[in-house]
Amino acid sequence: MKKRAAVILASGKGTRMKSDLPKVLHLVGGKPMVSHVVDSAKGSGLDHLVVVVGYGADEVLADLSGSCDIVFQSEQLGTGHAVGVTKGKFDGFHGTILVLAGDVPLISTETIKKLFVEHEKNGAAVTVLTAVIDNPTGYGRIIRDDSGSLERIVEEKDATDEEKSVREVNTGTYCFDSKILFDTLKHVTNDNAQGEYYLTDVISLAKQSGHIVIAVPTDDADEIRGVNTLEQLFEIEKIYNQKRGE
């Protein structure tokens, strides 16, 4: 079996939460969101786990209390930049790197295991976890070619009206071949509406280089719900309690 590692992105402030508390430390079921993500990732059987911190780093570190390796992102320049700052933690590592956000507390170990298995079974360079949802507003859209294969991911701010009508979305959870990931990140630019380095650009660049890129739909779209507002946090709490039968 290939070696497996995970990178959890937990550096953002979460300004829409209207709270000084780092977004990933808001509670779901009495536990910080990032701790749910860490536990689910660890349950999949990892050789290495890295968490990227930034805003409120000391508070986040206190919560994680030595449970994983830490990298500090001093400037939030996009998801591609956030993953790029972890490169030094993977010197000598050859295998699969899972990347997921620290604000998706409902992600399950089972879903993560499925993503690892599909990625390795298909010999993929990149595997994207997707979901089909009724209201895709705010999510990057999954654009497939005529054969149904993943062609690219378009962020909403860069999407055409036709692309915005697509209901299959990027969940922000991926598996990458470690070497291809860091080699390709060198070529990612910030030439987009946000002026950020998108991790999703690794997908189109890998595909252009002839690497295998696949998309795997999740069986439970609730698992990929992220939290950007207190209203969304409340919704996640309700779903969490329903899943626990409370």
Protein backbone atom coordinates (compact mmCIF):
# COMPACT_ATOMS: atom_id res chain seq x y z
CA MET A 1 0.00 0.00 0.00
CA LYS A 2 1.17 3.53 -0.81
CA LYS A 3 1.98 5.84 2.06
CA ARG A 4 -0.88 8.16 2.98
CA ALA A 5 -0.80 11.65 4.44
CA ALA A 6 -3.26 14.49 4.94
CA VAL A 7 -3.11 18.28 4.90
CA ILE A 8 -5.91 20.12 6.68
CA LEU A 9 -6.36 23.79 5.76
CA ALA A 10 -7.24 25.76 8.89
CA SER A 11 -5.65 29.19 8.45
CA GLY A 12 -8.60 31.44 7.62
CA LYS A 13 -10.25 33.95 9.94
CA GLY A 14 -13.76 33.41 8.65
CA THR A 15 -14.83 37.06 8.56
CA ARG A 16 -18.43 36.16 7.69
CA MET A 17 -18.74 34.40 11.04
CA LYS A 18 -18.65 37.88 12.67
CA SER A 19 -16.53 36.45 15.49
CA ASP A 20 -12.97 36.95 16.71
CA LEU A 21 -12.69 33.19 17.28
CA PRO A 22 -10.88 31.41 14.42
CA LYS A 23 -13.54 29.85 12.23
CA VAL A 24 -12.31 26.27 12.65
CA LEU A 25 -12.64 26.53 16.45
CA HIS A 26 -16.39 27.10 16.42
CA LEU A 27 -18.09 24.14 18.06
CA VAL A 28 -20.19 21.38 16.53
CA GLY A 29 -21.46 18.84 19.02
CA GLY A 30 -19.34 20.50 21.69
CA LYS A 31 -16.10 19.97 19.74
CA PRO A 32 -14.19 22.41 17.48
CA MET A 33 -14.82 21.83 13.78
CA VAL A 34 -11.15 21.24 13.03
CA SER A 35 -10.99 18.51 15.68
CA HIS A 36 -13.79 16.62 13.91
CA VAL A 37 -11.82 16.82 10.66
CA VAL A 38 -8.57 15.72 12.34
CA ASP A 39 -10.29 12.73 13.94
CA SER A 40 -11.91 11.61 10.67
CA ALA A 41 -8.62 11.95 8.78
CA LYS A 42 -6.67 10.04 11.42
CA GLY A 43 -9.25 7.27 11.37
CA SER A 44 -8.42 6.55 7.73
CA GLY A 45 -4.94 5.32 8.68
CA LEU A 46 -2.37 8.02 7.94
CA ASP A 47 1.41 7.98 7.96
CA HIS A 48 1.56 11.76 8.40
CA LEU A 49 -0.86 14.61 9.21
CA VAL A 50 -0.15 18.33 8.71
CA VAL A 51 -2.46 21.21 9.67
CA VAL A 52 -1.96 24.67 8.12
CA VAL A 53 -2.72 27.46 10.60
CA GLY A 54 -2.76 31.23 10.25
CA TYR A 55 -5.30 33.49 11.92
CA GLY A 56 -5.52 32.77 15.66
CA ALA A 57 -2.69 30.26 15.32
CA ASP A 58 -2.00 30.08 19.06
CA GLU A 59 -5.63 29.24 19.81
CA VAL A 60 -5.78 26.60 17.10
CA LEU A 61 -2.47 25.10 18.28
CA ALA A 62 -3.78 24.93 21.83
CA ASP A 63 -6.79 22.96 20.63
CA LEU A 64 -4.74 20.54 18.52
CA SER A 65 -2.30 20.07 21.42
CA GLY A 66 0.43 18.19 19.58
CA SER A 67 -1.89 15.81 17.75
CA CYS A 68 -0.35 16.63 14.36
CA ASP A 69 2.40 18.48 12.53
CA ILE A 70 1.85 22.24 12.10
CA VAL A 71 2.75 24.74 9.37
CA PHE A 72 2.12 28.48 9.68
CA GLN A 73 0.75 30.39 6.67
CA SER A 74 1.60 34.04 7.33
CA GLU A 75 -0.45 35.38 4.41
CA GLN A 76 -3.68 33.86 3.14
CA LEU A 77 -2.93 33.83 -0.59
CA GLY A 78 -5.23 30.99 -1.59
CA THR A 79 -5.55 27.24 -1.24
CA GLY A 80 -2.65 26.54 -3.61
CA HIS A 81 -0.36 28.71 -1.51
CA ALA A 82 -1.61 27.07 1.70
CA VAL A 83 -0.72 23.60 0.46
CA GLY A 84 2.55 24.85 -0.99
CA VAL A 85 3.84 26.00 2.41
CA THR A 86 3.69 22.38 3.62
CA LYS A 87 6.25 21.16 1.07
CA GLY A 88 9.08 21.02 3.60
CA LYS A 89 7.06 18.62 5.74
CA PHE A 90 6.97 16.11 2.90
CA ASP A 91 10.65 15.83 2.04
CA GLY A 92 11.26 12.15 1.33
CA PHE A 93 7.55 11.34 1.32
CA HIS A 94 6.28 9.37 -1.67
CA GLY A 95 2.62 8.51 -1.75
CA THR A 96 -0.85 10.04 -1.60
CA ILE A 97 -1.66 13.36 0.05
CA LEU A 98 -5.25 14.06 1.05
CA VAL A 99 -6.17 17.75 1.24
CA LEU A 100 -9.30 18.87 3.05
CA ALA A 101 -10.69 21.95 4.75
CA GLY A 102 -10.85 22.43 8.49
CA ASP A 103 -14.44 23.69 8.32
CA VAL A 104 -16.18 20.52 7.07
CA PRO A 105 -16.87 18.81 10.41
CA LEU A 106 -19.27 16.19 9.01
CA ILE A 107 -16.70 14.54 6.71
CA SER A 108 -16.48 10.87 7.65
CA THR A 109 -13.60 8.45 7.87
CA GLU A 110 -15.52 6.15 5.49
CA THR A 111 -15.68 8.82 2.79
CA ILE A 112 -11.98 9.60 3.20
CA LYS A 113 -11.08 5.90 2.92
CA LYS A 114 -13.21 5.61 -0.23
CA LEU A 115 -11.38 8.56 -1.78
CA PHE A 116 -7.97 7.05 -1.02
CA VAL A 117 -9.02 3.68 -2.47
CA GLU A 118 -10.47 5.14 -5.69
CA HIS A 119 -7.41 7.35 -6.17
CA GLU A 120 -4.93 4.52 -5.78
CA LYS A 121 -7.01 1.94 -7.68
CA ASN A 122 -7.15 4.22 -10.73
CA GLY A 123 -3.49 5.25 -10.57
CA ALA A 124 -4.65 8.86 -10.53
CA ALA A 125 -2.52 11.96 -10.17
CA VAL A 126 -5.51 13.86 -8.76
CA THR A 127 -8.85 12.66 -7.40
CA VAL A 128 -11.57 15.17 -6.56
CA LEU A 129 -14.43 14.48 -4.16
CA THR A 130 -17.59 15.97 -5.68
CA ALA A 131 -21.25 16.34 -4.71
CA VAL A 132 -24.47 17.10 -6.56
CA ILE A 133 -26.47 19.72 -4.68
CA ASP A 134 -29.66 21.69 -5.35
CA ASN A 135 -28.13 25.10 -4.71
CA PRO A 136 -24.50 25.20 -5.91
CA THR A 137 -24.06 28.93 -5.23
CA GLY A 138 -20.63 29.65 -3.79
CA TYR A 139 -19.05 26.38 -4.88
CA GLY A 140 -16.59 25.68 -7.69
CA ARG A 141 -18.34 23.83 -10.51
CA ILE A 142 -17.23 20.47 -11.88
CA ILE A 143 -16.91 20.72 -15.66
CA ARG A 144 -16.85 17.38 -17.45
CA ASP A 145 -15.96 16.68 -21.08
CA ASP A 146 -18.14 14.87 -23.62
CA SER A 147 -17.03 11.48 -22.29
CA GLY A 148 -18.03 12.40 -18.73
CA SER A 149 -14.44 12.74 -17.52
CA LEU A 150 -13.38 15.63 -15.31
CA GLU A 151 -12.09 18.46 -17.49
CA ARG A 152 -11.62 21.31 -15.00
CA ILE A 153 -13.03 23.07 -11.96
CA VAL A 154 -14.28 26.63 -12.33
CA GLU A 155 -14.58 28.90 -9.30
CA GLU A 156 -17.91 30.71 -9.15
CA LYS A 157 -16.35 34.17 -9.54
CA ASP A 158 -14.72 33.01 -12.77
CA ALA A 159 -17.68 30.96 -14.10
CA THR A 160 -19.91 31.80 -17.07
CA ASP A 161 -23.69 31.71 -16.66
CA GLU A 162 -23.75 28.29 -18.33
CA GLU A 163 -21.09 26.96 -15.96
CA LYS A 164 -22.95 28.37 -12.96
CA SER A 165 -25.96 26.20 -13.89
CA VAL A 166 -23.93 23.03 -13.20
CA ARG A 167 -25.05 21.35 -9.95
CA GLU A 168 -22.05 19.06 -9.47
CA VAL A 169 -19.62 20.91 -7.25
CA ASN A 170 -16.12 20.70 -5.91
CA THR A 171 -16.14 19.78 -2.22
CA GLY A 172 -12.62 21.06 -1.56
CA THR A 173 -11.42 17.56 -0.68
CA TYR A 174 -8.80 15.91 -2.90
CA CYS A 175 -6.18 13.20 -3.15
CA PHE A 176 -2.92 13.96 -4.94
CA ASP A 177 0.15 12.03 -5.95
CA SER A 178 2.68 13.82 -3.74
CA LYS A 179 5.35 14.40 -6.39
CA ILE A 180 2.92 15.63 -9.03
CA LEU A 181 1.25 17.92 -6.48
CA PHE A 182 4.36 19.85 -5.51
CA ASP A 183 5.87 19.81 -9.01
CA THR A 184 2.65 21.26 -10.45
CA LEU A 185 2.14 23.87 -7.73
CA LYS A 186 5.29 25.61 -9.02
CA HIS A 187 3.37 26.47 -12.20
CA VAL A 188 0.16 27.77 -10.58
CA THR A 189 -0.36 31.54 -10.99
CA ASN A 190 -2.75 34.02 -9.38
CA ASP A 191 -4.19 35.28 -12.67
CA ASN A 192 -7.87 35.10 -11.67
CA ALA A 193 -10.68 37.25 -10.27
CA GLN A 194 -9.51 36.75 -6.68
CA GLY A 195 -5.79 37.21 -7.30
CA GLU A 196 -5.17 33.96 -5.40
CA TYR A 197 -3.27 30.74 -6.03
CA TYR A 198 -5.99 28.13 -6.54
CA LEU A 199 -5.26 24.53 -5.65
CA THR A 200 -7.83 23.61 -8.30
CA ASP A 201 -5.43 24.84 -11.00
CA VAL A 202 -3.27 21.81 -10.22
CA ILE A 203 -6.07 19.70 -11.70
CA SER A 204 -6.16 21.34 -15.13
CA LEU A 205 -2.37 21.54 -15.27
CA ALA A 206 -2.02 17.85 -14.37
CA LYS A 207 -4.58 16.93 -17.01
CA GLN A 208 -2.75 19.01 -19.64
CA SER A 209 0.41 17.06 -18.76
CA GLY A 210 -1.35 13.79 -19.53
CA HIS A 211 -1.85 12.62 -15.96
CA ILE A 212 -4.96 10.75 -14.84
CA VAL A 213 -7.48 13.03 -13.12
CA ILE A 214 -10.76 11.64 -11.78
CA ALA A 215 -13.82 12.83 -9.86
CA VAL A 216 -15.54 10.69 -7.24
CA PRO A 217 -19.06 11.70 -6.10
CA THR A 218 -19.85 11.46 -2.41
CA ASP A 219 -22.79 9.33 -1.26
CA ASP A 220 -23.83 11.94 1.32
CA ALA A 221 -23.75 15.60 0.24
CA ASP A 222 -24.27 16.72 3.86
CA GLU A 223 -20.76 15.52 4.69
CA ILE A 224 -19.14 18.16 2.53
CA ARG A 225 -21.02 21.15 3.90
CA GLY A 226 -18.60 23.89 4.86
CA VAL A 227 -19.23 26.63 7.41
CA ASN A 228 -18.87 30.30 6.51
CA THR A 229 -21.63 31.89 8.60
CA LEU A 230 -23.27 31.37 11.99
CA GLU A 231 -26.44 30.32 10.15
CA GLN A 232 -24.53 27.55 8.38
CA LEU A 233 -22.99 26.52 11.71
CA PHE A 234 -26.48 26.16 13.16
CA GLU A 235 -27.55 24.01 10.18
CA ILE A 236 -24.48 21.79 10.59
CA GLU A 237 -25.23 21.35 14.28
CA LYS A 238 -28.77 20.19 13.43
CA ILE A 239 -27.50 17.67 10.87
CA TYR A 240 -24.83 16.45 13.28
CA ASN A 241 -27.45 15.79 15.95
CA GLN A 242 -29.77 14.07 13.45
CA LYS A 243 -26.97 11.74 12.37
CA ARG A 244 -26.37 10.89 16.02
CA GLY A 245 -30.07 10.29 16.53
CA GLU A 246 -30.47 13.14 19.00
